[in-house]
């Protein structure tokens, strides 16, 4: 794994947002206003598509009654389509949790190490991941790793000392999209559904989370001096 730091511009704000999977399983978390906002975005997109007809109708008012049903129908259809897609993301996430478990979206590991050593352990664990590079580090607190895939993934590891030399490590993973794509997704579906779009996948997010968690769970076999994972046959490095 390449250890150099990359530009933080490679990380979207949505990738760094703290994700709480359980609240996305709560039916009351998604309010009617969330879907109404999605409908409004779809309707606005439909109106934008028909902008030439609106201009023609304003220039030739006699034609506006002819264009208005088309404009209205397009706006309503796209509003409904956007809402259906949002509901589809919600159902797909619920199905993913039922198939893979809640840990497939956010995993916590408690280790008997102070923050500094736990952070080094996370660095060592992520160094074992194939085709990965570090994007951002906040010493003892945060570690962001990009994994090459289709699409690329971002693993976000957060550390929090919970007392008596114990550190809690939260491991999250999301699909990485470009800044224009991220802005488009948020503009179309809003921040709540954006988080689901980034997490509904074929299971690779879950595999990467479990891979990092499994390496961290090997703490008793981790050599703090040589920063290596030891097995009965020797070092895994």
C-alpha atoms as a PDB file:
ATOM      1  CA  UNK A   1       0.000   0.000   0.000  1.00  0.00           C
ATOM      2  CA  UNK A   2       1.304   3.466  -0.893  1.00  0.00           C
ATOM      3  CA  UNK A   3       1.691   5.493   2.298  1.00  0.00           C
ATOM      4  CA  UNK A   4       1.977   8.987   0.795  1.00  0.00           C
ATOM      5  CA  UNK A   5      -0.902  11.412   1.339  1.00  0.00           C
ATOM      6  CA  UNK A   6      -3.057  12.361  -1.613  1.00  0.00           C
ATOM      7  CA  UNK A   7      -4.995  15.576  -2.185  1.00  0.00           C
ATOM      8  CA  UNK A   8      -7.973  15.937   0.131  1.00  0.00           C
ATOM      9  CA  UNK A   9      -9.927  17.124  -2.916  1.00  0.00           C
ATOM     10  CA  UNK A  10     -10.239  13.425  -3.764  1.00  0.00           C
ATOM     11  CA  UNK A  11     -12.647  13.028  -0.833  1.00  0.00           C
ATOM     12  CA  UNK A  12     -16.241  14.207  -1.088  1.00  0.00           C
ATOM     13  CA  UNK A  13     -18.035  15.574   1.967  1.00  0.00           C
ATOM     14  CA  UNK A  14     -20.583  12.740   1.691  1.00  0.00           C
ATOM     15  CA  UNK A  15     -17.803  10.175   2.174  1.00  0.00           C
ATOM     16  CA  UNK A  16     -16.795  11.764   5.473  1.00  0.00           C
ATOM     17  CA  UNK A  17     -20.291  12.098   6.920  1.00  0.00           C
ATOM     18  CA  UNK A  18     -20.851   9.892   9.954  1.00  0.00           C
ATOM     19  CA  UNK A  19     -23.254   7.119   8.954  1.00  0.00           C
ATOM     20  CA  UNK A  20     -25.647   5.522  11.443  1.00  0.00           C
ATOM     21  CA  UNK A  21     -27.202   2.508   9.685  1.00  0.00           C
ATOM     22  CA  UNK A  22     -29.881   1.837  12.299  1.00  0.00           C
ATOM     23  CA  UNK A  23     -31.594   5.162  11.730  1.00  0.00           C
ATOM     24  CA  UNK A  24     -31.926   4.358   8.029  1.00  0.00           C
ATOM     25  CA  UNK A  25     -33.845   1.219   9.001  1.00  0.00           C
ATOM     26  CA  UNK A  26     -36.308   3.253  11.059  1.00  0.00           C
ATOM     27  CA  UNK A  27     -39.411   3.922   8.913  1.00  0.00           C
ATOM     28  CA  UNK A  28     -39.980   7.202  10.740  1.00  0.00           C
ATOM     29  CA  UNK A  29     -36.542   8.503   9.742  1.00  0.00           C
ATOM     30  CA  UNK A  30     -37.722   9.230   6.211  1.00  0.00           C
ATOM     31  CA  UNK A  31     -40.379  11.920   6.469  1.00  0.00           C
ATOM     32  CA  UNK A  32     -43.000  12.836   3.926  1.00  0.00           C
ATOM     33  CA  UNK A  33     -41.118  16.079   3.368  1.00  0.00           C
ATOM     34  CA  UNK A  34     -38.060  14.102   2.241  1.00  0.00           C
ATOM     35  CA  UNK A  35     -40.027  12.477  -0.560  1.00  0.00           C
ATOM     36  CA  UNK A  36     -41.809  15.761  -1.297  1.00  0.00           C
ATOM     37  CA  UNK A  37     -38.407  17.410  -1.731  1.00  0.00           C
ATOM     38  CA  UNK A  38     -37.324  14.616  -4.082  1.00  0.00           C
ATOM     39  CA  UNK A  39     -40.549  15.022  -6.065  1.00  0.00           C
ATOM     40  CA  UNK A  40     -39.919  18.776  -6.293  1.00  0.00           C
ATOM     41  CA  UNK A  41     -36.394  18.166  -7.577  1.00  0.00           C
ATOM     42  CA  UNK A  42     -37.691  15.792 -10.231  1.00  0.00           C
ATOM     43  CA  UNK A  43     -40.430  18.214 -11.216  1.00  0.00           C
ATOM     44  CA  UNK A  44     -37.908  21.059 -11.463  1.00  0.00           C
ATOM     45  CA  UNK A  45     -35.749  18.890 -13.691  1.00  0.00           C
ATOM     46  CA  UNK A  46     -38.782  18.209 -15.889  1.00  0.00           C
ATOM     47  CA  UNK A  47     -39.519  21.930 -16.148  1.00  0.00           C
ATOM     48  CA  UNK A  48     -35.876  22.616 -17.047  1.00  0.00           C
ATOM     49  CA  UNK A  49     -36.074  20.063 -19.866  1.00  0.00           C
ATOM     50  CA  UNK A  50     -39.102  21.875 -21.246  1.00  0.00           C
ATOM     51  CA  UNK A  51     -37.515  25.317 -20.949  1.00  0.00           C
ATOM     52  CA  UNK A  52     -37.592  25.861 -24.751  1.00  0.00           C
ATOM     53  CA  UNK A  53     -41.354  25.211 -24.762  1.00  0.00           C
ATOM     54  CA  UNK A  54     -41.817  27.658 -21.884  1.00  0.00           C
ATOM     55  CA  UNK A  55     -39.911  30.317 -23.823  1.00  0.00           C
ATOM     56  CA  UNK A  56     -41.996  29.656 -26.943  1.00  0.00           C
ATOM     57  CA  UNK A  57     -45.163  29.859 -24.870  1.00  0.00           C
ATOM     58  CA  UNK A  58     -44.123  33.194 -23.420  1.00  0.00           C
ATOM     59  CA  UNK A  59     -43.222  34.516 -26.841  1.00  0.00           C
ATOM     60  CA  UNK A  60     -46.434  33.148 -28.362  1.00  0.00           C
ATOM     61  CA  UNK A  61     -49.051  33.141 -25.569  1.00  0.00           C
ATOM     62  CA  UNK A  62     -51.617  31.480 -27.824  1.00  0.00           C
ATOM     63  CA  UNK A  63     -49.473  28.327 -27.837  1.00  0.00           C
ATOM     64  CA  UNK A  64     -49.048  28.139 -24.037  1.00  0.00           C
ATOM     65  CA  UNK A  65     -52.298  26.131 -23.540  1.00  0.00           C
ATOM     66  CA  UNK A  66     -50.877  23.590 -26.010  1.00  0.00           C
ATOM     67  CA  UNK A  67     -47.475  23.332 -24.295  1.00  0.00           C
ATOM     68  CA  UNK A  68     -48.701  23.487 -20.687  1.00  0.00           C
ATOM     69  CA  UNK A  69     -50.059  19.882 -20.512  1.00  0.00           C
ATOM     70  CA  UNK A  70     -46.763  18.548 -21.888  1.00  0.00           C
ATOM     71  CA  UNK A  71     -44.715  20.583 -19.405  1.00  0.00           C
ATOM     72  CA  UNK A  72     -46.933  19.558 -16.487  1.00  0.00           C
ATOM     73  CA  UNK A  73     -46.930  15.870 -17.464  1.00  0.00           C
ATOM     74  CA  UNK A  74     -43.132  15.789 -17.816  1.00  0.00           C
ATOM     75  CA  UNK A  75     -42.668  17.459 -14.429  1.00  0.00           C
ATOM     76  CA  UNK A  76     -45.062  15.031 -12.710  1.00  0.00           C
ATOM     77  CA  UNK A  77     -43.579  11.946 -14.381  1.00  0.00           C
ATOM     78  CA  UNK A  78     -40.014  12.872 -13.435  1.00  0.00           C
ATOM     79  CA  UNK A  79     -41.095  13.801  -9.911  1.00  0.00           C
ATOM     80  CA  UNK A  80     -42.691  10.377  -9.490  1.00  0.00           C
ATOM     81  CA  UNK A  81     -39.661   8.666 -11.081  1.00  0.00           C
ATOM     82  CA  UNK A  82     -37.268  10.404  -8.685  1.00  0.00           C
ATOM     83  CA  UNK A  83     -39.432   9.375  -5.713  1.00  0.00           C
ATOM     84  CA  UNK A  84     -39.574   5.779  -6.976  1.00  0.00           C
ATOM     85  CA  UNK A  85     -35.782   5.701  -7.281  1.00  0.00           C
ATOM     86  CA  UNK A  86     -35.408   7.082  -3.735  1.00  0.00           C
ATOM     87  CA  UNK A  87     -37.777   4.419  -2.412  1.00  0.00           C
ATOM     88  CA  UNK A  88     -35.823   1.818  -4.367  1.00  0.00           C
ATOM     89  CA  UNK A  89     -32.565   2.872  -2.672  1.00  0.00           C
ATOM     90  CA  UNK A  90     -34.294   2.627   0.712  1.00  0.00           C
ATOM     91  CA  UNK A  91     -35.624  -0.882  -0.011  1.00  0.00           C
ATOM     92  CA  UNK A  92     -32.275  -2.020  -1.435  1.00  0.00           C
ATOM     93  CA  UNK A  93     -30.506  -0.868   1.725  1.00  0.00           C
ATOM     94  CA  UNK A  94     -33.010  -2.690   3.934  1.00  0.00           C
ATOM     95  CA  UNK A  95     -32.575  -5.835   1.853  1.00  0.00           C
ATOM     96  CA  UNK A  96     -28.784  -5.510   2.059  1.00  0.00           C
ATOM     97  CA  UNK A  97     -28.946  -5.326   5.844  1.00  0.00           C
ATOM     98  CA  UNK A  98     -31.190  -8.409   5.948  1.00  0.00           C
ATOM     99  CA  UNK A  99     -28.727 -10.328   3.764  1.00  0.00           C
ATOM    100  CA  UNK A 100     -25.387  -9.158   5.155  1.00  0.00           C
ATOM    101  CA  UNK A 101     -26.179  -7.733   8.582  1.00  0.00           C
ATOM    102  CA  UNK A 102     -25.790  -4.256  10.009  1.00  0.00           C
ATOM    103  CA  UNK A 103     -22.023  -4.765  10.401  1.00  0.00           C
ATOM    104  CA  UNK A 104     -21.736  -4.771   6.624  1.00  0.00           C
ATOM    105  CA  UNK A 105     -22.364  -1.015   6.700  1.00  0.00           C
ATOM    106  CA  UNK A 106     -20.607   0.080   9.868  1.00  0.00           C
ATOM    107  CA  UNK A 107     -18.461  -2.039  12.152  1.00  0.00           C
ATOM    108  CA  UNK A 108     -17.027  -1.249  15.574  1.00  0.00           C
ATOM    109  CA  UNK A 109     -13.944  -2.910  17.031  1.00  0.00           C
ATOM    110  CA  UNK A 110     -12.773  -2.280  20.603  1.00  0.00           C
ATOM    111  CA  UNK A 111      -9.062  -2.862  21.155  1.00  0.00           C
ATOM    112  CA  UNK A 112      -7.066  -2.771  24.377  1.00  0.00           C
ATOM    113  CA  UNK A 113      -4.690  -0.117  23.101  1.00  0.00           C
ATOM    114  CA  UNK A 114      -4.319   3.623  23.680  1.00  0.00           C
ATOM    115  CA  UNK A 115      -5.261   5.899  20.791  1.00  0.00           C
ATOM    116  CA  UNK A 116      -1.725   6.285  19.432  1.00  0.00           C
ATOM    117  CA  UNK A 117      -1.057   2.551  19.229  1.00  0.00           C
ATOM    118  CA  UNK A 118      -4.567   1.814  17.921  1.00  0.00           C
ATOM    119  CA  UNK A 119      -3.968   4.346  15.164  1.00  0.00           C
ATOM    120  CA  UNK A 120      -0.732   2.613  14.208  1.00  0.00           C
ATOM    121  CA  UNK A 121      -2.593  -0.682  14.216  1.00  0.00           C
ATOM    122  CA  UNK A 122      -5.145   0.740  11.756  1.00  0.00           C
ATOM    123  CA  UNK A 123      -2.331   1.950   9.508  1.00  0.00           C
ATOM    124  CA  UNK A 124      -0.828  -1.523   9.621  1.00  0.00           C
ATOM    125  CA  UNK A 125      -4.191  -3.143   8.876  1.00  0.00           C
ATOM    126  CA  UNK A 126      -4.973  -0.923   5.886  1.00  0.00           C
ATOM    127  CA  UNK A 127      -1.479  -1.529   4.512  1.00  0.00           C
ATOM    128  CA  UNK A 128      -2.516  -5.149   3.931  1.00  0.00           C
ATOM    129  CA  UNK A 129      -5.332  -4.172   1.540  1.00  0.00           C
ATOM    130  CA  UNK A 130      -4.586  -4.668  -2.136  1.00  0.00           C
ATOM    131  CA  UNK A 131      -4.672  -1.619  -4.428  1.00  0.00           C
ATOM    132  CA  UNK A 132      -5.161   0.890  -1.611  1.00  0.00           C
ATOM    133  CA  UNK A 133      -3.674   4.282  -0.819  1.00  0.00           C
ATOM    134  CA  UNK A 134      -4.009   6.704   2.069  1.00  0.00           C
ATOM    135  CA  UNK A 135      -5.910   9.901   1.280  1.00  0.00           C
ATOM    136  CA  UNK A 136      -6.123  11.617   4.651  1.00  0.00           C
ATOM    137  CA  UNK A 137      -4.808  11.081   8.167  1.00  0.00           C
ATOM    138  CA  UNK A 138      -5.606  12.840  11.410  1.00  0.00           C
ATOM    139  CA  UNK A 139      -3.174  11.398  13.918  1.00  0.00           C
ATOM    140  CA  UNK A 140      -5.001   9.187  16.392  1.00  0.00           C
ATOM    141  CA  UNK A 141      -8.451  10.139  15.114  1.00  0.00           C
ATOM    142  CA  UNK A 142      -9.165   9.532  11.428  1.00  0.00           C
ATOM    143  CA  UNK A 143      -7.851   7.510   8.517  1.00  0.00           C
ATOM    144  CA  UNK A 144      -9.231   7.627   4.954  1.00  0.00           C
ATOM    145  CA  UNK A 145      -8.116   5.012   2.439  1.00  0.00           C
ATOM    146  CA  UNK A 146      -9.018   4.764  -1.248  1.00  0.00           C
ATOM    147  CA  UNK A 147      -9.297   1.269  -2.745  1.00  0.00           C
ATOM    148  CA  UNK A 148      -9.131   0.745  -6.485  1.00  0.00           C
ATOM    149  CA  UNK A 149     -12.332  -0.893  -7.765  1.00  0.00           C
ATOM    150  CA  UNK A 150     -15.263  -0.255 -10.100  1.00  0.00           C
ATOM    151  CA  UNK A 151     -16.290   2.160  -8.750  1.00  0.00           C
ATOM    152  CA  UNK A 152     -13.526   3.019  -6.308  1.00  0.00           C
ATOM    153  CA  UNK A 153     -14.221   2.738  -2.587  1.00  0.00           C
ATOM    154  CA  UNK A 154     -13.280   4.926   0.344  1.00  0.00           C
ATOM    155  CA  UNK A 155     -12.687   3.282   3.709  1.00  0.00           C
ATOM    156  CA  UNK A 156     -13.110   5.699   6.611  1.00  0.00           C
ATOM    157  CA  UNK A 157     -11.750   4.659   9.998  1.00  0.00           C
ATOM    158  CA  UNK A 158     -12.523   6.737  13.087  1.00  0.00           C
ATOM    159  CA  UNK A 159     -10.926   6.190  16.477  1.00  0.00           C
ATOM    160  CA  UNK A 160     -12.248   7.218  19.873  1.00  0.00           C
ATOM    161  CA  UNK A 161     -10.718   6.569  23.272  1.00  0.00           C
ATOM    162  CA  UNK A 162     -13.308   5.166  25.661  1.00  0.00           C
ATOM    163  CA  UNK A 163     -11.106   5.004  28.758  1.00  0.00           C
ATOM    164  CA  UNK A 164      -8.797   2.570  30.578  1.00  0.00           C
ATOM    165  CA  UNK A 165      -6.512   2.203  27.564  1.00  0.00           C
ATOM    166  CA  UNK A 166      -9.324   1.010  25.283  1.00  0.00           C
ATOM    167  CA  UNK A 167      -9.951   2.493  21.843  1.00  0.00           C
ATOM    168  CA  UNK A 168     -13.120   2.072  19.824  1.00  0.00           C
ATOM    169  CA  UNK A 169     -12.532   1.837  16.074  1.00  0.00           C
ATOM    170  CA  UNK A 170     -15.402   2.547  13.669  1.00  0.00           C
ATOM    171  CA  UNK A 171     -14.965   1.203  10.129  1.00  0.00           C
ATOM    172  CA  UNK A 172     -17.100   2.542   7.298  1.00  0.00           C
ATOM    173  CA  UNK A 173     -16.910   2.132   3.530  1.00  0.00           C
ATOM    174  CA  UNK A 174     -18.626   3.985   0.690  1.00  0.00           C
ATOM    175  CA  UNK A 175     -18.494   4.099  -3.096  1.00  0.00           C
ATOM    176  CA  UNK A 176     -16.400   6.973  -4.373  1.00  0.00           C
ATOM    177  CA  UNK A 177     -17.903   9.240  -7.014  1.00  0.00           C
ATOM    178  CA  UNK A 178     -16.467  12.358  -8.612  1.00  0.00           C
ATOM    179  CA  UNK A 179     -17.397  15.787  -7.272  1.00  0.00           C
ATOM    180  CA  UNK A 180     -19.795  16.508 -10.186  1.00  0.00           C
ATOM    181  CA  UNK A 181     -21.467  13.123  -9.633  1.00  0.00           C
ATOM    182  CA  UNK A 182     -21.729  13.753  -5.896  1.00  0.00           C
ATOM    183  CA  UNK A 183     -23.303  17.167  -6.478  1.00  0.00           C
ATOM    184  CA  UNK A 184     -25.745  15.651  -8.975  1.00  0.00           C
ATOM    185  CA  UNK A 185     -26.775  12.868  -6.590  1.00  0.00           C
ATOM    186  CA  UNK A 186     -27.304  15.276  -3.696  1.00  0.00           C
ATOM    187  CA  UNK A 187     -29.177  17.731  -5.933  1.00  0.00           C
ATOM    188  CA  UNK A 188     -31.517  14.983  -7.169  1.00  0.00           C
ATOM    189  CA  UNK A 189     -32.142  13.043  -3.954  1.00  0.00           C
ATOM    190  CA  UNK A 190     -30.862  15.043  -1.013  1.00  0.00           C
ATOM    191  CA  UNK A 191     -28.299  14.083   1.674  1.00  0.00           C
ATOM    192  CA  UNK A 192     -30.319  11.269   3.254  1.00  0.00           C
ATOM    193  CA  UNK A 193     -30.766   9.284   0.066  1.00  0.00           C
ATOM    194  CA  UNK A 194     -27.263  10.207  -1.081  1.00  0.00           C
ATOM    195  CA  UNK A 195     -25.860   8.092   1.759  1.00  0.00           C
ATOM    196  CA  UNK A 196     -27.861   5.106   0.524  1.00  0.00           C
ATOM    197  CA  UNK A 197     -26.741   5.618  -3.080  1.00  0.00           C
ATOM    198  CA  UNK A 198     -23.123   5.449  -1.909  1.00  0.00           C
ATOM    199  CA  UNK A 199     -23.718   2.245   0.071  1.00  0.00           C
ATOM    200  CA  UNK A 200     -26.101   0.143  -2.000  1.00  0.00           C
ATOM    201  CA  UNK A 201     -23.752  -2.108  -3.948  1.00  0.00           C
ATOM    202  CA  UNK A 202     -22.881  -5.707  -4.798  1.00  0.00           C
ATOM    203  CA  UNK A 203     -21.298  -6.399  -1.408  1.00  0.00           C
ATOM    204  CA  UNK A 204     -17.773  -5.065  -1.947  1.00  0.00           C
ATOM    205  CA  UNK A 205     -18.239  -2.396   0.727  1.00  0.00           C
ATOM    206  CA  UNK A 206     -19.077  -5.159   3.218  1.00  0.00           C
ATOM    207  CA  UNK A 207     -16.062  -7.228   2.142  1.00  0.00           C
ATOM    208  CA  UNK A 208     -13.667  -4.331   2.644  1.00  0.00           C
ATOM    209  CA  UNK A 209     -15.136  -3.468   6.057  1.00  0.00           C
ATOM    210  CA  UNK A 210     -14.785  -7.071   7.194  1.00  0.00           C
ATOM    211  CA  UNK A 211     -11.252  -7.324   5.801  1.00  0.00           C
ATOM    212  CA  UNK A 212     -10.092  -4.323   7.826  1.00  0.00           C
ATOM    213  CA  UNK A 213     -12.011  -5.469  10.921  1.00  0.00           C
ATOM    214  CA  UNK A 214     -10.507  -8.972  10.681  1.00  0.00           C
ATOM    215  CA  UNK A 215      -6.993  -7.555  10.520  1.00  0.00           C
ATOM    216  CA  UNK A 216      -7.658  -5.331  13.526  1.00  0.00           C
ATOM    217  CA  UNK A 217      -9.031  -8.304  15.467  1.00  0.00           C
ATOM    218  CA  UNK A 218      -5.614  -9.949  15.046  1.00  0.00           C
ATOM    219  CA  UNK A 219      -4.228  -7.462  17.566  1.00  0.00           C
ATOM    220  CA  UNK A 220      -2.739 -10.205  19.797  1.00  0.00           C
ATOM    221  CA  UNK A 221      -0.622 -11.271  16.817  1.00  0.00           C
ATOM    222  CA  UNK A 222       0.475  -7.768  15.896  1.00  0.00           C
ATOM    223  CA  UNK A 223       4.099  -6.898  16.457  1.00  0.00           C
ATOM    224  CA  UNK A 224       4.098  -3.295  17.764  1.00  0.00           C
ATOM    225  CA  UNK A 225       7.827  -2.956  17.170  1.00  0.00           C
ATOM    226  CA  UNK A 226       7.933  -4.164  13.581  1.00  0.00           C
ATOM    227  CA  UNK A 227       4.360  -3.153  12.683  1.00  0.00           C
ATOM    228  CA  UNK A 228       3.644  -6.566  11.222  1.00  0.00           C
ATOM    229  CA  UNK A 229       0.983  -9.246  11.561  1.00  0.00           C
ATOM    230  CA  UNK A 230       2.519 -12.479  12.757  1.00  0.00           C
ATOM    231  CA  UNK A 231       1.227 -15.969  12.073  1.00  0.00           C
ATOM    232  CA  UNK A 232       2.554 -19.353  13.187  1.00  0.00           C
ATOM    233  CA  UNK A 233       4.564 -19.481   9.975  1.00  0.00           C
ATOM    234  CA  UNK A 234       5.955 -15.978  10.420  1.00  0.00           C
ATOM    235  CA  UNK A 235       5.159 -12.507   9.261  1.00  0.00           C
ATOM    236  CA  UNK A 236       2.277 -11.849   6.884  1.00  0.00           C
ATOM    237  CA  UNK A 237       4.167  -8.949   5.420  1.00  0.00           C
END
